[in-house]
């Protein structure tokens, strides 16, 4: 589930585990093509035109 703590990609339904806000805590985030409104929602911190960019 998005926003939940994780340690590896396999812990997340999105298969994306990252620390996009740089606070030292990895969480489940959105992957490429998923809808977004903020950069930190996306695995690679790239939200373009409302979607996480590849």
PDB file of N, CA and C in Angstrom:
ATOM      1  N   UNK A   1       0.850  -1.180   0.000  1.00  0.00           N
ATOM      2  CA  UNK A   1       0.000   0.000   0.000  1.00  0.00           C
ATOM      3  C   UNK A   1       0.889   1.235   0.000  1.00  0.00           C
ATOM      4  N   UNK A   2       0.509   2.233  -0.764  1.00  0.00           N
ATOM      5  CA  UNK A   2       1.295   3.446  -0.877  1.00  0.00           C
ATOM      6  C   UNK A   2       1.466   4.142   0.464  1.00  0.00           C
ATOM      7  N   UNK A   3       2.677   4.644   0.699  1.00  0.00           N
ATOM      8  CA  UNK A   3       2.961   5.376   1.921  1.00  0.00           C
ATOM      9  C   UNK A   3       3.386   4.525   3.097  1.00  0.00           C
ATOM     10  N   UNK A   4       3.227   3.200   2.985  1.00  0.00           N
ATOM     11  CA  UNK A   4       3.630   2.317   4.075  1.00  0.00           C
ATOM     12  C   UNK A   4       5.143   2.077   4.044  1.00  0.00           C
ATOM     13  N   UNK A   5       5.744   1.856   5.199  1.00  0.00           N
ATOM     14  CA  UNK A   5       7.187   1.583   5.252  1.00  0.00           C
ATOM     15  C   UNK A   5       7.529   0.318   4.468  1.00  0.00           C
ATOM     16  N   UNK A   6       8.723   0.293   3.859  1.00  0.00           N
ATOM     17  CA  UNK A   6       9.174  -0.869   3.106  1.00  0.00           C
ATOM     18  C   UNK A   6      10.695  -0.929   3.153  1.00  0.00           C
ATOM     19  N   UNK A   7      11.214  -2.085   2.778  1.00  0.00           N
ATOM     20  CA  UNK A   7      12.671  -2.221   2.703  1.00  0.00           C
ATOM     21  C   UNK A   7      13.117  -2.659   1.315  1.00  0.00           C
ATOM     22  N   UNK A   8      12.244  -3.329   0.581  1.00  0.00           N
ATOM     23  CA  UNK A   8      12.540  -3.755  -0.795  1.00  0.00           C
ATOM     24  C   UNK A   8      11.294  -3.545  -1.664  1.00  0.00           C
ATOM     25  N   UNK A   9      11.494  -3.469  -2.985  1.00  0.00           N
ATOM     26  CA  UNK A   9      10.381  -3.245  -3.904  1.00  0.00           C
ATOM     27  C   UNK A   9       9.255  -4.251  -3.720  1.00  0.00           C
ATOM     28  N   UNK A  10       9.597  -5.511  -3.437  1.00  0.00           N
ATOM     29  CA  UNK A  10       8.598  -6.560  -3.283  1.00  0.00           C
ATOM     30  C   UNK A  10       7.651  -6.368  -2.115  1.00  0.00           C
ATOM     31  N   UNK A  11       7.971  -5.447  -1.191  1.00  0.00           N
ATOM     32  CA  UNK A  11       7.083  -5.161  -0.067  1.00  0.00           C
ATOM     33  C   UNK A  11       5.865  -4.342  -0.491  1.00  0.00           C
ATOM     34  N   UNK A  12       5.891  -3.799  -1.694  1.00  0.00           N
ATOM     35  CA  UNK A  12       4.854  -2.851  -2.135  1.00  0.00           C
ATOM     36  C   UNK A  12       4.024  -3.415  -3.282  1.00  0.00           C
ATOM     37  N   UNK A  13       2.732  -3.132  -3.260  1.00  0.00           N
ATOM     38  CA  UNK A  13       1.854  -3.533  -4.362  1.00  0.00           C
ATOM     39  C   UNK A  13       2.303  -2.868  -5.662  1.00  0.00           C
ATOM     40  N   UNK A  14       2.859  -1.656  -5.560  1.00  0.00           N
ATOM     41  CA  UNK A  14       3.338  -0.927  -6.735  1.00  0.00           C
ATOM     42  C   UNK A  14       4.704  -1.445  -7.191  1.00  0.00           C
ATOM     43  N   UNK A  15       5.319  -2.315  -6.382  1.00  0.00           N
ATOM     44  CA  UNK A  15       6.668  -2.826  -6.613  1.00  0.00           C
ATOM     45  C   UNK A  15       7.701  -1.696  -6.670  1.00  0.00           C
ATOM     46  N   UNK A  16       7.431  -0.609  -5.943  1.00  0.00           N
ATOM     47  CA  UNK A  16       8.320   0.552  -5.905  1.00  0.00           C
ATOM     48  C   UNK A  16       8.537   0.968  -4.451  1.00  0.00           C
ATOM     49  N   UNK A  17       9.745   0.778  -3.940  1.00  0.00           N
ATOM     50  CA  UNK A  17      10.109   1.148  -2.576  1.00  0.00           C
ATOM     51  C   UNK A  17      11.244   2.171  -2.672  1.00  0.00           C
ATOM     52  N   UNK A  18      11.039   3.371  -2.137  1.00  0.00           N
ATOM     53  CA  UNK A  18      12.049   4.424  -2.266  1.00  0.00           C
ATOM     54  C   UNK A  18      11.940   5.424  -1.126  1.00  0.00           C
ATOM     55  N   UNK A  19      12.891   6.336  -1.089  1.00  0.00           N
ATOM     56  CA  UNK A  19      12.920   7.428  -0.108  1.00  0.00           C
ATOM     57  C   UNK A  19      12.932   8.762  -0.860  1.00  0.00           C
ATOM     58  N   UNK A  20      11.832   9.081  -1.571  1.00  0.00           N
ATOM     59  CA  UNK A  20      11.829  10.280  -2.410  1.00  0.00           C
ATOM     60  C   UNK A  20      11.907  11.597  -1.643  1.00  0.00           C
ATOM     61  N   UNK A  21      11.506  11.610  -0.373  1.00  0.00           N
ATOM     62  CA  UNK A  21      11.580  12.865   0.383  1.00  0.00           C
ATOM     63  C   UNK A  21      12.902  12.996   1.139  1.00  0.00           C
ATOM     64  N   UNK A  22      13.754  11.970   1.062  1.00  0.00           N
ATOM     65  CA  UNK A  22      15.084  12.040   1.638  1.00  0.00           C
ATOM     66  C   UNK A  22      15.143  12.059   3.152  1.00  0.00           C
ATOM     67  N   UNK A  23      14.111  11.511   3.815  1.00  0.00           N
ATOM     68  CA  UNK A  23      14.096  11.529   5.280  1.00  0.00           C
ATOM     69  C   UNK A  23      14.741  10.284   5.899  1.00  0.00           C
ATOM     70  N   UNK A  24      15.274   9.395   5.044  1.00  0.00           N
ATOM     71  CA  UNK A  24      15.930   8.197   5.543  1.00  0.00           C
ATOM     72  C   UNK A  24      15.001   7.016   5.750  1.00  0.00           C
ATOM     73  N   UNK A  25      13.715   7.205   5.520  1.00  0.00           N
ATOM     74  CA  UNK A  25      12.722   6.142   5.680  1.00  0.00           C
ATOM     75  C   UNK A  25      12.128   5.798   4.315  1.00  0.00           C
ATOM     76  N   UNK A  26      12.325   4.559   3.879  1.00  0.00           N
ATOM     77  CA  UNK A  26      11.748   4.139   2.600  1.00  0.00           C
ATOM     78  C   UNK A  26      10.263   3.850   2.774  1.00  0.00           C
ATOM     79  N   UNK A  27       9.482   4.225   1.772  1.00  0.00           N
ATOM     80  CA  UNK A  27       8.054   3.962   1.761  1.00  0.00           C
ATOM     81  C   UNK A  27       7.641   3.472   0.374  1.00  0.00           C
ATOM     82  N   UNK A  28       6.466   2.858   0.300  1.00  0.00           N
ATOM     83  CA  UNK A  28       5.920   2.444  -0.984  1.00  0.00           C
ATOM     84  C   UNK A  28       5.464   3.689  -1.740  1.00  0.00           C
ATOM     85  N   UNK A  29       5.918   3.806  -2.973  1.00  0.00           N
ATOM     86  CA  UNK A  29       5.595   4.970  -3.805  1.00  0.00           C
ATOM     87  C   UNK A  29       5.037   4.495  -5.142  1.00  0.00           C
ATOM     88  N   UNK A  30       4.654   5.438  -5.967  1.00  0.00           N
ATOM     89  CA  UNK A  30       4.080   5.126  -7.270  1.00  0.00           C
ATOM     90  C   UNK A  30       5.174   4.924  -8.310  1.00  0.00           C
ATOM     91  N   UNK A  31       4.853   4.136  -9.327  1.00  0.00           N
ATOM     92  CA  UNK A  31       5.797   3.865 -10.402  1.00  0.00           C
ATOM     93  C   UNK A  31       5.432   4.615 -11.669  1.00  0.00           C
ATOM     94  N   UNK A  32       6.231   4.464 -12.724  1.00  0.00           N
ATOM     95  CA  UNK A  32       5.990   5.137 -13.999  1.00  0.00           C
ATOM     96  C   UNK A  32       4.579   4.893 -14.520  1.00  0.00           C
ATOM     97  N   UNK A  33       3.923   5.972 -14.945  1.00  0.00           N
ATOM     98  CA  UNK A  33       2.576   5.886 -15.502  1.00  0.00           C
ATOM     99  C   UNK A  33       1.466   6.033 -14.487  1.00  0.00           C
ATOM    100  N   UNK A  34       1.795   5.978 -13.184  1.00  0.00           N
ATOM    101  CA  UNK A  34       0.776   6.148 -12.152  1.00  0.00           C
ATOM    102  C   UNK A  34       0.430   7.626 -11.995  1.00  0.00           C
ATOM    103  N   UNK A  35      -0.834   7.956 -11.691  1.00  0.00           N
ATOM    104  CA  UNK A  35      -1.215   9.362 -11.506  1.00  0.00           C
ATOM    105  C   UNK A  35      -0.536   9.958 -10.273  1.00  0.00           C
ATOM    106  N   UNK A  36      -0.191  11.242 -10.364  1.00  0.00           N
ATOM    107  CA  UNK A  36       0.469  11.922  -9.250  1.00  0.00           C
ATOM    108  C   UNK A  36       0.133  13.406  -9.246  1.00  0.00           C
ATOM    109  N   UNK A  37       0.335  14.031  -8.093  1.00  0.00           N
ATOM    110  CA  UNK A  37       0.190  15.482  -7.966  1.00  0.00           C
ATOM    111  C   UNK A  37       1.435  16.108  -7.360  1.00  0.00           C
ATOM    112  N   UNK A  38       2.293  15.273  -6.731  1.00  0.00           N
ATOM    113  CA  UNK A  38       3.511  15.767  -6.102  1.00  0.00           C
ATOM    114  C   UNK A  38       4.700  14.909  -6.533  1.00  0.00           C
ATOM    115  N   UNK A  39       5.871  15.532  -6.617  1.00  0.00           N
ATOM    116  CA  UNK A  39       7.079  14.812  -7.012  1.00  0.00           C
ATOM    117  C   UNK A  39       7.385  13.645  -6.093  1.00  0.00           C
ATOM    118  N   UNK A  40       7.176  13.833  -4.767  1.00  0.00           N
ATOM    119  CA  UNK A  40       7.554  12.789  -3.814  1.00  0.00           C
ATOM    120  C   UNK A  40       6.648  11.556  -3.856  1.00  0.00           C
ATOM    121  N   UNK A  41       5.569  11.614  -4.626  1.00  0.00           N
ATOM    122  CA  UNK A  41       4.715  10.435  -4.789  1.00  0.00           C
ATOM    123  C   UNK A  41       5.382   9.394  -5.679  1.00  0.00           C
ATOM    124  N   UNK A  42       6.313   9.820  -6.517  1.00  0.00           N
ATOM    125  CA  UNK A  42       6.883   8.971  -7.556  1.00  0.00           C
ATOM    126  C   UNK A  42       8.259   8.433  -7.176  1.00  0.00           C
ATOM    127  N   UNK A  43       8.525   7.225  -7.602  1.00  0.00           N
ATOM    128  CA  UNK A  43       9.770   6.530  -7.324  1.00  0.00           C
ATOM    129  C   UNK A  43      10.986   7.374  -7.697  1.00  0.00           C
ATOM    130  N   UNK A  44      10.933   8.023  -8.849  1.00  0.00           N
ATOM    131  CA  UNK A  44      12.075   8.790  -9.325  1.00  0.00           C
ATOM    132  C   UNK A  44      11.920  10.307  -9.128  1.00  0.00           C
ATOM    133  N   UNK A  45      10.924  10.704  -8.351  1.00  0.00           N
ATOM    134  CA  UNK A  45      10.649  12.122  -8.065  1.00  0.00           C
ATOM    135  C   UNK A  45      10.376  12.933  -9.316  1.00  0.00           C
ATOM    136  N   UNK A  46       9.689  12.330 -10.293  1.00  0.00           N
ATOM    137  CA  UNK A  46       9.335  13.020 -11.532  1.00  0.00           C
ATOM    138  C   UNK A  46       7.848  12.864 -11.799  1.00  0.00           C
ATOM    139  N   UNK A  47       7.088  13.908 -11.526  1.00  0.00           N
ATOM    140  CA  UNK A  47       5.654  13.937 -11.810  1.00  0.00           C
ATOM    141  C   UNK A  47       5.451  14.947 -12.934  1.00  0.00           C
ATOM    142  N   UNK A  48       5.092  14.452 -14.117  1.00  0.00           N
ATOM    143  CA  UNK A  48       4.933  15.307 -15.286  1.00  0.00           C
ATOM    144  C   UNK A  48       3.549  15.118 -15.889  1.00  0.00           C
ATOM    145  N   UNK A  49       2.832  16.212 -16.063  1.00  0.00           N
ATOM    146  CA  UNK A  49       1.491  16.176 -16.658  1.00  0.00           C
ATOM    147  C   UNK A  49       0.565  15.237 -15.889  1.00  0.00           C
ATOM    148  N   UNK A  50       0.737  15.170 -14.562  1.00  0.00           N
ATOM    149  CA  UNK A  50      -0.141  14.374 -13.731  1.00  0.00           C
ATOM    150  C   UNK A  50       0.186  12.895 -13.657  1.00  0.00           C
ATOM    151  N   UNK A  51       1.341  12.485 -14.231  1.00  0.00           N
ATOM    152  CA  UNK A  51       1.738  11.078 -14.190  1.00  0.00           C
ATOM    153  C   UNK A  51       3.191  10.960 -13.759  1.00  0.00           C
ATOM    154  N   UNK A  52       3.515   9.872 -13.057  1.00  0.00           N
ATOM    155  CA  UNK A  52       4.913   9.608 -12.712  1.00  0.00           C
ATOM    156  C   UNK A  52       5.655   9.261 -13.996  1.00  0.00           C
ATOM    157  N   UNK A  53       6.712   9.991 -14.263  1.00  0.00           N
ATOM    158  CA  UNK A  53       7.478   9.787 -15.487  1.00  0.00           C
ATOM    159  C   UNK A  53       8.407   8.581 -15.359  1.00  0.00           C
ATOM    160  N   UNK A  54       8.755   7.976 -16.491  1.00  0.00           N
ATOM    161  CA  UNK A  54       9.680   6.826 -16.462  1.00  0.00           C
ATOM    162  C   UNK A  54      11.098   7.237 -16.092  1.00  0.00           C
TER     163      UNK A  54
END
